[in-house]
């Protein structure tokens, strides 16, 4: 089994990362956080707002993601993010705009999805702490 894997992070605006020698990726899954390492069982999962972390032998990179999908195979991880920014570009102002948008969606939501939008809002608010704002 290989001791590294391929990692790709893509958002609609741009490709944020492509790393051939990832050793660990921490993913904010909608059903809970998970850590992916080389040889992981194949799976697809949705993402919740949170911090995504890429670890290589020499560096660690963090990204804010607002949602999306992760495709995980034994050979790697591909993240298709709804929106994503490197940690160094994620500012308090951007975070406040994301919270305001999530709050508006929650307030306008049909009662049948109010629980889902409340969780989205809570995850968006918590992302600021995870991203150390």
N, C-alpha and C. Protein backbone atom coordinates (compact mmCIF):
# COMPACT_ATOMS: atom_id res chain seq x y z
N UNK A 1 0.84 -1.17 0.00
CA UNK A 1 0.00 0.00 0.00
C UNK A 1 0.89 1.24 0.00
N UNK A 2 0.52 2.21 -0.81
CA UNK A 2 1.26 3.47 -0.89
C UNK A 2 1.11 4.24 0.41
N UNK A 3 2.12 5.04 0.73
CA UNK A 3 2.04 5.82 1.97
C UNK A 3 1.64 7.28 1.69
N UNK A 4 1.31 7.59 0.45
CA UNK A 4 0.79 8.92 0.10
C UNK A 4 -0.41 8.73 -0.83
N UNK A 5 -1.12 9.83 -1.03
CA UNK A 5 -2.30 9.79 -1.90
C UNK A 5 -2.44 11.12 -2.62
N UNK A 6 -3.26 11.13 -3.63
CA UNK A 6 -3.58 12.33 -4.40
C UNK A 6 -4.66 13.12 -3.66
N UNK A 7 -4.52 14.44 -3.63
CA UNK A 7 -5.54 15.31 -3.04
C UNK A 7 -5.83 16.43 -4.02
N UNK A 8 -7.11 16.67 -4.30
CA UNK A 8 -7.52 17.78 -5.16
C UNK A 8 -8.68 18.50 -4.49
N UNK A 9 -8.60 19.82 -4.49
CA UNK A 9 -9.66 20.67 -3.95
C UNK A 9 -10.04 21.67 -5.02
N UNK A 10 -11.31 21.60 -5.45
CA UNK A 10 -11.79 22.45 -6.53
C UNK A 10 -13.06 23.16 -6.07
N UNK A 11 -13.11 24.46 -6.32
CA UNK A 11 -14.31 25.27 -6.09
C UNK A 11 -14.73 25.82 -7.45
N UNK A 12 -15.95 26.32 -7.58
CA UNK A 12 -16.38 26.82 -8.89
C UNK A 12 -15.46 27.89 -9.47
N UNK A 13 -14.87 28.72 -8.61
CA UNK A 13 -14.04 29.82 -9.11
C UNK A 13 -12.64 29.41 -9.53
N UNK A 14 -12.11 28.33 -8.87
CA UNK A 14 -10.72 27.96 -9.13
C UNK A 14 -10.37 26.63 -8.49
N UNK A 15 -9.26 26.08 -8.95
CA UNK A 15 -8.67 24.91 -8.32
C UNK A 15 -7.77 25.43 -7.20
N UNK A 16 -8.06 25.03 -5.98
CA UNK A 16 -7.32 25.55 -4.83
C UNK A 16 -6.09 24.73 -4.49
N UNK A 17 -6.14 23.43 -4.76
CA UNK A 17 -5.00 22.59 -4.39
C UNK A 17 -4.99 21.32 -5.20
N UNK A 18 -3.78 20.85 -5.47
CA UNK A 18 -3.55 19.55 -6.07
C UNK A 18 -2.22 19.06 -5.51
N UNK A 19 -2.27 17.99 -4.76
CA UNK A 19 -1.08 17.49 -4.07
C UNK A 19 -0.98 15.99 -4.28
N UNK A 20 0.15 15.54 -4.80
CA UNK A 20 0.36 14.12 -5.07
C UNK A 20 0.85 13.36 -3.85
N UNK A 21 1.34 14.06 -2.83
CA UNK A 21 1.95 13.37 -1.69
C UNK A 21 1.26 13.70 -0.38
N UNK A 22 -0.07 13.69 -0.40
CA UNK A 22 -0.83 13.90 0.83
C UNK A 22 -0.71 12.64 1.70
N UNK A 23 -0.58 12.86 3.01
CA UNK A 23 -0.55 11.71 3.91
C UNK A 23 -1.80 11.66 4.81
N UNK A 24 -2.51 12.78 4.87
CA UNK A 24 -3.71 12.84 5.69
C UNK A 24 -4.57 14.03 5.26
N UNK A 25 -5.89 13.83 5.22
CA UNK A 25 -6.82 14.92 4.92
C UNK A 25 -7.95 14.84 5.94
N UNK A 26 -8.16 15.92 6.69
CA UNK A 26 -9.25 15.98 7.66
C UNK A 26 -10.41 16.72 7.01
N UNK A 27 -11.55 16.03 6.91
CA UNK A 27 -12.69 16.49 6.14
C UNK A 27 -13.88 16.78 7.06
N UNK A 28 -14.51 17.96 6.91
CA UNK A 28 -15.72 18.24 7.70
C UNK A 28 -16.95 17.63 7.04
N UNK A 29 -17.17 16.35 7.28
CA UNK A 29 -18.29 15.65 6.68
C UNK A 29 -19.61 16.07 7.29
N UNK A 30 -20.66 16.00 6.51
CA UNK A 30 -21.99 16.37 7.01
C UNK A 30 -22.44 15.48 8.15
N UNK A 31 -21.99 14.23 8.16
CA UNK A 31 -22.37 13.29 9.22
C UNK A 31 -21.29 13.18 10.29
N UNK A 32 -20.29 14.03 10.23
CA UNK A 32 -19.21 14.03 11.21
C UNK A 32 -17.86 14.18 10.53
N UNK A 33 -16.91 14.67 11.29
CA UNK A 33 -15.57 14.84 10.75
C UNK A 33 -14.94 13.48 10.49
N UNK A 34 -14.08 13.41 9.46
CA UNK A 34 -13.36 12.18 9.20
C UNK A 34 -11.96 12.50 8.73
N UNK A 35 -11.06 11.58 9.00
CA UNK A 35 -9.68 11.70 8.56
C UNK A 35 -9.43 10.63 7.52
N UNK A 36 -8.93 11.06 6.38
CA UNK A 36 -8.67 10.16 5.26
C UNK A 36 -7.16 9.98 5.14
N UNK A 37 -6.75 8.73 5.02
CA UNK A 37 -5.34 8.40 4.83
C UNK A 37 -5.23 7.46 3.64
N UNK A 38 -4.02 7.28 3.10
CA UNK A 38 -3.87 6.36 1.97
C UNK A 38 -4.47 4.99 2.28
N UNK A 39 -5.17 4.43 1.31
CA UNK A 39 -5.79 3.12 1.48
C UNK A 39 -7.18 3.16 2.07
N UNK A 40 -7.74 4.36 2.28
CA UNK A 40 -9.08 4.49 2.87
C UNK A 40 -10.11 3.78 2.00
N UNK A 41 -11.12 3.25 2.63
CA UNK A 41 -12.21 2.61 1.90
C UNK A 41 -12.91 3.63 1.02
N UNK A 42 -13.36 3.23 -0.17
CA UNK A 42 -14.06 4.16 -1.05
C UNK A 42 -15.36 4.65 -0.43
N UNK A 43 -15.64 5.92 -0.60
CA UNK A 43 -16.91 6.48 -0.14
C UNK A 43 -17.14 7.86 -0.75
N UNK A 44 -18.39 8.25 -0.76
CA UNK A 44 -18.79 9.61 -1.12
C UNK A 44 -19.46 10.20 0.10
N UNK A 45 -19.21 11.48 0.36
CA UNK A 45 -19.88 12.14 1.48
C UNK A 45 -20.13 13.59 1.13
N UNK A 46 -21.13 14.15 1.75
CA UNK A 46 -21.36 15.59 1.61
C UNK A 46 -20.57 16.30 2.69
N UNK A 47 -20.30 17.58 2.45
CA UNK A 47 -19.53 18.39 3.40
C UNK A 47 -20.44 19.37 4.11
N UNK A 48 -20.08 19.71 5.32
CA UNK A 48 -20.73 20.79 6.05
C UNK A 48 -19.74 21.95 6.11
N UNK A 49 -20.19 23.14 6.45
CA UNK A 49 -19.25 24.25 6.61
C UNK A 49 -18.22 23.91 7.68
N UNK A 50 -16.97 24.15 7.36
CA UNK A 50 -15.92 23.86 8.34
C UNK A 50 -14.53 23.99 7.76
N UNK A 51 -13.59 23.49 8.54
CA UNK A 51 -12.18 23.55 8.19
C UNK A 51 -11.73 22.22 7.60
N UNK A 52 -11.13 22.28 6.44
CA UNK A 52 -10.56 21.12 5.77
C UNK A 52 -9.04 21.25 5.90
N UNK A 53 -8.37 20.20 6.32
CA UNK A 53 -6.92 20.26 6.54
C UNK A 53 -6.21 19.20 5.72
N UNK A 54 -5.18 19.62 5.00
CA UNK A 54 -4.32 18.76 4.20
C UNK A 54 -2.97 18.66 4.88
N UNK A 55 -2.48 17.44 5.08
CA UNK A 55 -1.17 17.23 5.70
C UNK A 55 -0.29 16.48 4.70
N UNK A 56 0.90 17.02 4.47
CA UNK A 56 1.93 16.33 3.69
C UNK A 56 3.09 16.06 4.63
N UNK A 57 4.14 15.45 4.13
CA UNK A 57 5.31 15.19 4.99
C UNK A 57 5.95 16.49 5.48
N UNK A 58 5.84 17.56 4.71
CA UNK A 58 6.55 18.78 5.05
C UNK A 58 5.66 19.97 5.41
N UNK A 59 4.36 19.89 5.10
CA UNK A 59 3.50 21.06 5.31
C UNK A 59 2.10 20.64 5.72
N UNK A 60 1.41 21.61 6.32
CA UNK A 60 -0.02 21.46 6.61
C UNK A 60 -0.71 22.68 6.04
N UNK A 61 -1.80 22.48 5.31
CA UNK A 61 -2.57 23.57 4.73
C UNK A 61 -4.02 23.44 5.19
N UNK A 62 -4.64 24.57 5.50
CA UNK A 62 -6.04 24.57 5.92
C UNK A 62 -6.86 25.41 4.96
N UNK A 63 -8.12 24.99 4.79
CA UNK A 63 -9.05 25.66 3.90
C UNK A 63 -10.41 25.74 4.58
N UNK A 64 -11.11 26.84 4.35
CA UNK A 64 -12.50 26.95 4.77
C UNK A 64 -13.35 26.43 3.63
N UNK A 65 -14.32 25.58 3.95
CA UNK A 65 -15.27 25.11 2.95
C UNK A 65 -16.68 25.35 3.47
N UNK A 66 -17.58 25.70 2.58
CA UNK A 66 -18.96 25.97 3.02
C UNK A 66 -19.89 24.79 2.75
N UNK A 67 -19.43 23.81 2.06
CA UNK A 67 -20.23 22.64 1.71
C UNK A 67 -19.67 22.04 0.45
N UNK A 68 -20.32 20.99 -0.02
CA UNK A 68 -19.88 20.34 -1.25
C UNK A 68 -19.87 18.84 -1.08
N UNK A 69 -18.95 18.20 -1.80
CA UNK A 69 -18.87 16.74 -1.82
C UNK A 69 -17.42 16.30 -1.74
N UNK A 70 -17.20 15.13 -1.15
CA UNK A 70 -15.87 14.52 -1.12
C UNK A 70 -15.99 13.12 -1.72
N UNK A 71 -15.12 12.83 -2.68
CA UNK A 71 -15.01 11.48 -3.22
C UNK A 71 -13.70 10.91 -2.67
N UNK A 72 -13.82 9.82 -1.96
CA UNK A 72 -12.66 9.21 -1.30
C UNK A 72 -12.44 7.84 -1.91
N UNK A 73 -11.19 7.58 -2.29
CA UNK A 73 -10.79 6.26 -2.81
C UNK A 73 -9.52 5.87 -2.07
N UNK A 74 -9.07 4.63 -2.22
CA UNK A 74 -7.80 4.25 -1.59
C UNK A 74 -6.62 5.07 -2.11
N UNK A 75 -6.76 5.62 -3.32
CA UNK A 75 -5.67 6.38 -3.94
C UNK A 75 -5.72 7.87 -3.66
N UNK A 76 -6.86 8.39 -3.15
CA UNK A 76 -6.89 9.83 -2.94
C UNK A 76 -8.25 10.39 -2.57
N UNK A 77 -8.27 11.71 -2.49
CA UNK A 77 -9.47 12.46 -2.11
C UNK A 77 -9.67 13.58 -3.11
N UNK A 78 -10.88 13.70 -3.61
CA UNK A 78 -11.25 14.84 -4.46
C UNK A 78 -12.39 15.56 -3.75
N UNK A 79 -12.17 16.85 -3.51
CA UNK A 79 -13.18 17.69 -2.87
C UNK A 79 -13.74 18.63 -3.92
N UNK A 80 -15.05 18.58 -4.10
CA UNK A 80 -15.76 19.54 -4.95
C UNK A 80 -16.52 20.45 -4.00
N UNK A 81 -15.94 21.61 -3.75
CA UNK A 81 -16.48 22.52 -2.74
C UNK A 81 -17.49 23.48 -3.33
N UNK A 82 -18.52 23.74 -2.56
CA UNK A 82 -19.49 24.77 -2.92
C UNK A 82 -18.78 26.13 -2.99
N UNK A 83 -18.04 26.43 -1.94
CA UNK A 83 -17.15 27.58 -1.86
C UNK A 83 -15.98 27.18 -0.97
N UNK A 84 -14.80 27.70 -1.28
CA UNK A 84 -13.63 27.39 -0.46
C UNK A 84 -12.60 28.48 -0.60
N UNK A 85 -11.87 28.70 0.50
CA UNK A 85 -10.77 29.65 0.52
C UNK A 85 -9.63 29.08 1.35
N UNK A 86 -8.38 29.35 0.96
CA UNK A 86 -7.27 29.01 1.85
C UNK A 86 -7.43 29.76 3.17
N UNK A 87 -6.97 29.18 4.26
CA UNK A 87 -7.13 29.79 5.58
C UNK A 87 -6.63 31.23 5.61
N UNK A 88 -5.53 31.50 4.93
CA UNK A 88 -4.96 32.85 4.97
C UNK A 88 -5.82 33.89 4.25
N UNK A 89 -6.74 33.45 3.41
CA UNK A 89 -7.66 34.37 2.72
C UNK A 89 -9.01 34.48 3.41
N UNK A 90 -9.26 33.63 4.40
CA UNK A 90 -10.55 33.60 5.09
C UNK A 90 -10.53 34.65 6.20
N UNK A 91 -11.22 35.76 5.98
CA UNK A 91 -11.21 36.87 6.93
C UNK A 91 -12.49 36.91 7.76
N UNK A 92 -12.45 37.69 8.80
CA UNK A 92 -13.64 37.89 9.64
C UNK A 92 -14.78 38.48 8.81
N UNK A 93 -14.46 39.40 7.91
CA UNK A 93 -15.48 40.01 7.06
C UNK A 93 -16.17 38.97 6.17
N UNK A 94 -15.39 38.09 5.57
CA UNK A 94 -15.95 37.03 4.73
C UNK A 94 -16.82 36.11 5.58
N UNK A 95 -16.33 35.76 6.75
CA UNK A 95 -17.09 34.89 7.65
C UNK A 95 -18.42 35.53 8.04
N UNK A 96 -18.41 36.81 8.36
CA UNK A 96 -19.65 37.51 8.73
C UNK A 96 -20.65 37.53 7.58
N UNK A 97 -20.17 37.68 6.35
CA UNK A 97 -21.07 37.64 5.18
C UNK A 97 -21.69 36.26 5.02
N UNK A 98 -20.90 35.21 5.23
CA UNK A 98 -21.42 33.85 5.12
C UNK A 98 -22.47 33.58 6.20
N UNK A 99 -22.23 34.07 7.41
CA UNK A 99 -23.20 33.91 8.49
C UNK A 99 -24.49 34.65 8.16
N UNK A 100 -24.35 35.88 7.67
CA UNK A 100 -25.55 36.66 7.32
C UNK A 100 -26.36 35.96 6.25
N UNK A 101 -25.69 35.38 5.27
CA UNK A 101 -26.39 34.65 4.21
C UNK A 101 -27.09 33.41 4.78
N UNK A 102 -26.40 32.67 5.64
CA UNK A 102 -27.00 31.47 6.25
C UNK A 102 -28.18 31.85 7.14
N UNK A 103 -28.07 32.96 7.86
CA UNK A 103 -29.16 33.43 8.72
C UNK A 103 -30.39 33.79 7.88
N UNK A 104 -30.15 34.47 6.75
CA UNK A 104 -31.26 34.84 5.86
C UNK A 104 -31.95 33.59 5.31
N UNK A 105 -31.17 32.61 4.90
CA UNK A 105 -31.73 31.36 4.38
C UNK A 105 -32.56 30.68 5.46
N UNK A 106 -32.04 30.67 6.68
CA UNK A 106 -32.77 30.03 7.78
C UNK A 106 -34.09 30.76 8.06
N UNK A 107 -34.04 32.08 8.10
CA UNK A 107 -35.24 32.86 8.39
C UNK A 107 -36.31 32.70 7.31
N UNK A 108 -35.89 32.50 6.07
CA UNK A 108 -36.83 32.37 4.96
C UNK A 108 -37.21 30.92 4.66
N UNK A 109 -36.64 29.99 5.40
CA UNK A 109 -36.85 28.58 5.10
C UNK A 109 -38.26 28.12 5.43
N UNK A 110 -38.74 27.20 4.63
CA UNK A 110 -40.02 26.54 4.90
C UNK A 110 -39.86 25.73 6.20
N UNK A 111 -40.90 25.64 7.02
CA UNK A 111 -40.79 24.89 8.28
C UNK A 111 -40.29 23.45 8.11
N UNK A 112 -40.55 22.86 6.96
CA UNK A 112 -40.12 21.47 6.74
C UNK A 112 -38.60 21.32 6.67
N UNK A 113 -37.89 22.41 6.42
CA UNK A 113 -36.42 22.33 6.34
C UNK A 113 -35.75 23.24 7.37
N UNK A 114 -36.51 23.75 8.32
CA UNK A 114 -35.97 24.68 9.32
C UNK A 114 -34.85 24.05 10.14
N UNK A 115 -34.97 22.77 10.47
CA UNK A 115 -33.91 22.10 11.24
C UNK A 115 -32.60 22.05 10.45
N UNK A 116 -32.71 21.77 9.16
CA UNK A 116 -31.52 21.71 8.30
C UNK A 116 -30.85 23.07 8.19
N UNK A 117 -31.65 24.11 8.01
CA UNK A 117 -31.05 25.45 7.87
C UNK A 117 -30.50 25.94 9.19
N UNK A 118 -31.10 25.53 10.31
CA UNK A 118 -30.56 25.89 11.62
C UNK A 118 -29.19 25.24 11.82
N UNK A 119 -29.04 23.99 11.39
CA UNK A 119 -27.74 23.31 11.49
C UNK A 119 -26.72 23.99 10.58
N UNK A 120 -27.12 24.36 9.38
CA UNK A 120 -26.22 25.07 8.48
C UNK A 120 -25.73 26.36 9.12
N UNK A 121 -26.65 27.11 9.72
CA UNK A 121 -26.28 28.36 10.38
C UNK A 121 -25.32 28.10 11.53
N UNK A 122 -25.60 27.10 12.36
CA UNK A 122 -24.72 26.78 13.49
C UNK A 122 -23.34 26.36 13.02
N UNK A 123 -23.28 25.54 11.96
CA UNK A 123 -21.99 25.12 11.41
C UNK A 123 -21.22 26.30 10.84
N UNK A 124 -21.94 27.22 10.19
CA UNK A 124 -21.29 28.40 9.61
C UNK A 124 -20.71 29.28 10.73
N UNK A 125 -21.46 29.44 11.81
CA UNK A 125 -20.96 30.23 12.94
C UNK A 125 -19.74 29.57 13.57
N UNK A 126 -19.78 28.25 13.74
CA UNK A 126 -18.67 27.52 14.36
C UNK A 126 -17.41 27.54 13.49
N UNK A 127 -17.58 27.70 12.20
CA UNK A 127 -16.43 27.71 11.30
C UNK A 127 -15.44 28.80 11.68
N UNK A 128 -15.91 29.92 12.19
CA UNK A 128 -15.02 31.00 12.60
C UNK A 128 -14.05 30.55 13.68
N UNK A 129 -14.54 29.78 14.64
CA UNK A 129 -13.69 29.26 15.70
C UNK A 129 -12.71 28.24 15.13
N UNK A 130 -13.19 27.37 14.27
CA UNK A 130 -12.33 26.34 13.69
C UNK A 130 -11.22 26.96 12.84
N UNK A 131 -11.54 28.08 12.21
CA UNK A 131 -10.56 28.75 11.35
C UNK A 131 -9.73 29.76 12.16
N UNK A 132 -9.93 29.78 13.45
CA UNK A 132 -9.21 30.66 14.41
C UNK A 132 -9.31 32.14 14.05
N UNK A 133 -10.55 32.60 13.85
CA UNK A 133 -10.77 34.04 13.61
C UNK A 133 -10.87 34.76 14.93
